[in-house]
Amino acid sequence: MPKLSDESLAGAMKSIPLWTSDRGEIRRAFSFENYYQTMAFVNAIAWLAHQADHHPDLDVGYNRCVVRYSTHSEGGITERDIQSACAADRLTTPA
């Protein structure tokens, strides 16, 4: 997938309003009540990443996880990153 143009990225970011884009990546900080919930989220992200063969950078703490997506081979953000962010959001959205 090619890198999104600035215009395409602006439109795509509307579908993931809790995410920000900066320096060729998108990121979101997720907060949790405790370590167990954080690790459950991290494991779910790992499973999604394995299935999609698209792996984010994760910064993990006791009750938080910052998820960062970028398609390094394209030098920036692609539709694949946006799709992955949507999948991550669904993990924390009540049914």
N, C-alpha and C. Protein backbone atom coordinates (compact mmCIF):
# COMPACT_ATOMS: atom_id res chain seq x y z
N MET A 1 0.84 -1.18 0.00
CA MET A 1 0.00 0.00 0.00
C MET A 1 0.88 1.24 0.00
N PRO A 2 0.57 2.19 -0.85
CA PRO A 2 1.39 3.40 -0.90
C PRO A 2 1.11 4.33 0.29
N LYS A 3 2.08 5.16 0.56
CA LYS A 3 1.95 6.18 1.60
C LYS A 3 0.79 7.10 1.24
N LEU A 4 -0.01 7.47 2.24
CA LEU A 4 -1.15 8.37 2.00
C LEU A 4 -0.65 9.80 1.76
N SER A 5 -1.32 10.48 0.84
CA SER A 5 -1.03 11.90 0.64
C SER A 5 -1.54 12.67 1.86
N ASP A 6 -1.10 13.89 2.01
CA ASP A 6 -1.55 14.71 3.14
C ASP A 6 -3.07 14.84 3.14
N GLU A 7 -3.65 15.02 1.98
CA GLU A 7 -5.11 15.16 1.87
C GLU A 7 -5.82 13.85 2.24
N SER A 8 -5.32 12.74 1.75
CA SER A 8 -5.92 11.44 2.07
C SER A 8 -5.77 11.12 3.55
N LEU A 9 -4.63 11.47 4.11
CA LEU A 9 -4.40 11.23 5.53
C LEU A 9 -5.37 12.05 6.38
N ALA A 10 -5.57 13.30 6.02
CA ALA A 10 -6.51 14.15 6.77
C ALA A 10 -7.91 13.53 6.76
N GLY A 11 -8.32 13.02 5.63
CA GLY A 11 -9.63 12.38 5.55
C GLY A 11 -9.69 11.10 6.36
N ALA A 12 -8.63 10.30 6.29
CA ALA A 12 -8.59 9.02 7.01
C ALA A 12 -8.57 9.23 8.51
N MET A 13 -7.93 10.30 8.98
CA MET A 13 -7.84 10.56 10.41
C MET A 13 -9.21 10.83 11.02
N LYS A 14 -10.18 11.22 10.22
CA LYS A 14 -11.54 11.44 10.72
C LYS A 14 -12.17 10.14 11.21
N SER A 15 -11.71 9.01 10.69
CA SER A 15 -12.26 7.70 11.10
C SER A 15 -11.63 7.21 12.40
N ILE A 16 -10.55 7.86 12.83
CA ILE A 16 -9.87 7.48 14.08
C ILE A 16 -9.59 8.75 14.90
N PRO A 17 -10.65 9.39 15.40
CA PRO A 17 -10.49 10.71 16.02
C PRO A 17 -9.63 10.76 17.28
N LEU A 18 -9.42 9.64 17.93
CA LEU A 18 -8.60 9.63 19.15
C LEU A 18 -7.11 9.46 18.86
N TRP A 19 -6.77 9.33 17.61
CA TRP A 19 -5.38 9.16 17.19
C TRP A 19 -4.83 10.48 16.68
N THR A 20 -3.51 10.64 16.75
CA THR A 20 -2.84 11.81 16.19
C THR A 20 -1.81 11.33 15.18
N SER A 21 -1.48 12.20 14.26
CA SER A 21 -0.42 11.87 13.30
C SER A 21 0.71 12.88 13.47
N ASP A 22 1.93 12.36 13.41
CA ASP A 22 3.10 13.20 13.57
C ASP A 22 4.32 12.43 13.06
N ARG A 23 5.14 13.09 12.29
CA ARG A 23 6.41 12.51 11.83
C ARG A 23 6.27 11.14 11.17
N GLY A 24 5.25 11.01 10.34
CA GLY A 24 5.10 9.78 9.59
C GLY A 24 4.55 8.60 10.34
N GLU A 25 3.87 8.86 11.46
CA GLU A 25 3.24 7.77 12.20
C GLU A 25 1.94 8.27 12.83
N ILE A 26 1.08 7.32 13.19
CA ILE A 26 -0.11 7.65 13.96
C ILE A 26 0.06 7.03 15.33
N ARG A 27 -0.53 7.67 16.34
CA ARG A 27 -0.36 7.18 17.70
C ARG A 27 -1.60 7.46 18.53
N ARG A 28 -1.77 6.60 19.52
CA ARG A 28 -2.84 6.80 20.50
C ARG A 28 -2.38 6.20 21.83
N ALA A 29 -2.70 6.91 22.90
CA ALA A 29 -2.44 6.41 24.25
C ALA A 29 -3.73 5.80 24.79
N PHE A 30 -3.66 4.55 25.21
CA PHE A 30 -4.78 3.85 25.81
C PHE A 30 -4.54 3.76 27.32
N SER A 31 -5.57 3.98 28.12
CA SER A 31 -5.45 3.90 29.58
C SER A 31 -6.32 2.76 30.11
N PHE A 32 -5.83 2.13 31.18
CA PHE A 32 -6.51 0.99 31.78
C PHE A 32 -6.53 1.12 33.29
N GLU A 33 -7.34 0.31 33.94
CA GLU A 33 -7.46 0.38 35.39
C GLU A 33 -6.29 -0.27 36.12
N ASN A 34 -5.66 -1.26 35.46
CA ASN A 34 -4.61 -2.01 36.15
C ASN A 34 -3.69 -2.69 35.14
N TYR A 35 -2.69 -3.34 35.68
CA TYR A 35 -1.69 -4.02 34.87
C TYR A 35 -2.29 -5.18 34.07
N TYR A 36 -3.18 -5.93 34.70
CA TYR A 36 -3.79 -7.07 34.02
C TYR A 36 -4.53 -6.62 32.76
N GLN A 37 -5.33 -5.56 32.87
CA GLN A 37 -6.06 -5.06 31.70
C GLN A 37 -5.09 -4.56 30.62
N THR A 38 -4.03 -3.92 31.05
CA THR A 38 -3.03 -3.43 30.10
C THR A 38 -2.42 -4.60 29.33
N MET A 39 -2.03 -5.64 30.05
CA MET A 39 -1.40 -6.79 29.39
C MET A 39 -2.39 -7.55 28.50
N ALA A 40 -3.64 -7.60 28.90
CA ALA A 40 -4.65 -8.24 28.04
C ALA A 40 -4.77 -7.48 26.73
N PHE A 41 -4.76 -6.16 26.81
CA PHE A 41 -4.81 -5.32 25.60
C PHE A 41 -3.56 -5.54 24.74
N VAL A 42 -2.40 -5.54 25.35
CA VAL A 42 -1.15 -5.74 24.62
C VAL A 42 -1.16 -7.10 23.90
N ASN A 43 -1.63 -8.13 24.58
CA ASN A 43 -1.71 -9.45 23.95
C ASN A 43 -2.70 -9.47 22.80
N ALA A 44 -3.81 -8.76 22.94
CA ALA A 44 -4.78 -8.68 21.86
C ALA A 44 -4.20 -7.93 20.66
N ILE A 45 -3.47 -6.86 20.93
CA ILE A 45 -2.80 -6.12 19.85
C ILE A 45 -1.78 -7.02 19.15
N ALA A 46 -1.05 -7.80 19.93
CA ALA A 46 -0.06 -8.71 19.35
C ALA A 46 -0.74 -9.73 18.44
N TRP A 47 -1.89 -10.25 18.86
CA TRP A 47 -2.61 -11.22 18.04
C TRP A 47 -3.07 -10.58 16.74
N LEU A 48 -3.66 -9.36 16.83
CA LEU A 48 -4.09 -8.66 15.63
C LEU A 48 -2.92 -8.39 14.69
N ALA A 49 -1.80 -7.97 15.26
CA ALA A 49 -0.61 -7.67 14.46
C ALA A 49 -0.11 -8.92 13.74
N HIS A 50 -0.12 -10.03 14.44
CA HIS A 50 0.34 -11.28 13.82
C HIS A 50 -0.59 -11.67 12.67
N GLN A 51 -1.89 -11.55 12.89
CA GLN A 51 -2.86 -11.91 11.85
C GLN A 51 -2.71 -11.02 10.62
N ALA A 52 -2.46 -9.74 10.84
CA ALA A 52 -2.36 -8.78 9.73
C ALA A 52 -0.94 -8.68 9.17
N ASP A 53 0.01 -9.29 9.86
CA ASP A 53 1.43 -9.16 9.51
C ASP A 53 1.81 -7.68 9.40
N HIS A 54 1.34 -6.91 10.39
CA HIS A 54 1.61 -5.48 10.46
C HIS A 54 1.74 -5.12 11.93
N HIS A 55 2.94 -4.78 12.34
CA HIS A 55 3.26 -4.70 13.76
C HIS A 55 3.51 -3.28 14.22
N PRO A 56 2.81 -2.84 15.27
CA PRO A 56 3.01 -1.50 15.80
C PRO A 56 4.19 -1.45 16.77
N ASP A 57 4.60 -0.24 17.08
CA ASP A 57 5.51 -0.03 18.20
C ASP A 57 4.62 0.22 19.41
N LEU A 58 4.97 -0.39 20.53
CA LEU A 58 4.19 -0.28 21.76
C LEU A 58 5.07 0.26 22.88
N ASP A 59 4.57 1.23 23.60
CA ASP A 59 5.21 1.72 24.82
C ASP A 59 4.26 1.34 25.95
N VAL A 60 4.68 0.43 26.82
CA VAL A 60 3.78 -0.16 27.81
C VAL A 60 4.20 0.23 29.22
N GLY A 61 3.22 0.59 30.03
CA GLY A 61 3.42 0.87 31.45
C GLY A 61 2.37 0.14 32.27
N TYR A 62 2.33 0.41 33.54
CA TYR A 62 1.42 -0.30 34.45
C TYR A 62 -0.03 -0.24 33.98
N ASN A 63 -0.51 0.95 33.68
CA ASN A 63 -1.92 1.10 33.30
C ASN A 63 -2.10 1.91 32.02
N ARG A 64 -1.13 1.80 31.12
CA ARG A 64 -1.22 2.53 29.86
C ARG A 64 -0.44 1.80 28.77
N CYS A 65 -0.83 2.09 27.55
CA CYS A 65 -0.10 1.57 26.39
C CYS A 65 -0.24 2.60 25.27
N VAL A 66 0.89 3.05 24.76
CA VAL A 66 0.89 3.93 23.60
C VAL A 66 1.17 3.05 22.38
N VAL A 67 0.26 3.14 21.40
CA VAL A 67 0.38 2.34 20.18
C VAL A 67 0.74 3.29 19.04
N ARG A 68 1.77 2.91 18.28
CA ARG A 68 2.22 3.73 17.15
C ARG A 68 2.32 2.86 15.90
N TYR A 69 1.66 3.32 14.84
CA TYR A 69 1.70 2.62 13.56
C TYR A 69 2.38 3.49 12.50
N SER A 70 3.16 2.85 11.67
CA SER A 70 3.77 3.46 10.50
C SER A 70 4.20 2.32 9.57
N THR A 71 4.10 2.54 8.30
CA THR A 71 4.56 1.54 7.35
C THR A 71 5.97 1.94 6.92
N HIS A 72 6.94 1.36 7.57
CA HIS A 72 8.33 1.75 7.36
C HIS A 72 8.77 1.56 5.91
N SER A 73 8.29 0.51 5.27
CA SER A 73 8.70 0.25 3.88
C SER A 73 8.21 1.34 2.92
N GLU A 74 7.15 2.07 3.32
CA GLU A 74 6.61 3.15 2.48
C GLU A 74 7.04 4.52 2.99
N GLY A 75 7.70 4.55 4.12
CA GLY A 75 8.18 5.82 4.65
C GLY A 75 7.11 6.71 5.23
N GLY A 76 6.05 6.11 5.76
CA GLY A 76 4.99 6.92 6.36
C GLY A 76 3.74 6.13 6.63
N ILE A 77 2.63 6.82 6.61
CA ILE A 77 1.34 6.24 6.98
C ILE A 77 0.61 5.76 5.74
N THR A 78 0.10 4.53 5.82
CA THR A 78 -0.67 3.95 4.72
C THR A 78 -2.07 3.57 5.23
N GLU A 79 -2.90 3.15 4.31
CA GLU A 79 -4.24 2.70 4.68
C GLU A 79 -4.16 1.51 5.64
N ARG A 80 -3.13 0.74 5.53
CA ARG A 80 -2.94 -0.40 6.43
C ARG A 80 -2.79 0.06 7.89
N ASP A 81 -2.12 1.17 8.10
CA ASP A 81 -1.99 1.74 9.44
C ASP A 81 -3.34 2.20 9.97
N ILE A 82 -4.12 2.83 9.11
CA ILE A 82 -5.46 3.31 9.50
C ILE A 82 -6.34 2.11 9.87
N GLN A 83 -6.31 1.06 9.06
CA GLN A 83 -7.09 -0.15 9.35
C GLN A 83 -6.65 -0.78 10.67
N SER A 84 -5.37 -0.80 10.93
CA SER A 84 -4.86 -1.37 12.18
C SER A 84 -5.30 -0.53 13.37
N ALA A 85 -5.29 0.78 13.22
CA ALA A 85 -5.75 1.66 14.31
C ALA A 85 -7.23 1.42 14.59
N CYS A 86 -8.04 1.26 13.55
CA CYS A 86 -9.46 0.96 13.73
C CYS A 86 -9.64 -0.34 14.50
N ALA A 87 -8.84 -1.34 14.17
CA ALA A 87 -8.93 -2.64 14.86
C ALA A 87 -8.54 -2.47 16.33
N ALA A 88 -7.52 -1.68 16.62
CA ALA A 88 -7.11 -1.44 18.00
C ALA A 88 -8.22 -0.73 18.76
N ASP A 89 -8.86 0.24 18.13
CA ASP A 89 -9.97 0.95 18.77
C ASP A 89 -11.11 0.01 19.13
N ARG A 90 -11.39 -0.95 18.26
CA ARG A 90 -12.49 -1.89 18.52
C ARG A 90 -12.23 -2.74 19.75
N LEU A 91 -10.97 -2.91 20.13
CA LEU A 91 -10.66 -3.69 21.31
C LEU A 91 -11.15 -3.03 22.60
N THR A 92 -11.28 -1.71 22.57
CA THR A 92 -11.66 -0.99 23.79
C THR A 92 -13.04 -0.34 23.67
N THR A 93 -13.75 -0.62 22.60
CA THR A 93 -15.08 -0.05 22.40
C THR A 93 -16.12 -1.05 22.91
N PRO A 94 -16.99 -0.62 23.83
CA PRO A 94 -18.03 -1.53 24.31
C PRO A 94 -18.93 -2.00 23.16
N ALA A 95 -19.37 -3.24 23.24
CA ALA A 95 -20.23 -3.82 22.19
C ALA A 95 -21.62 -3.24 22.25
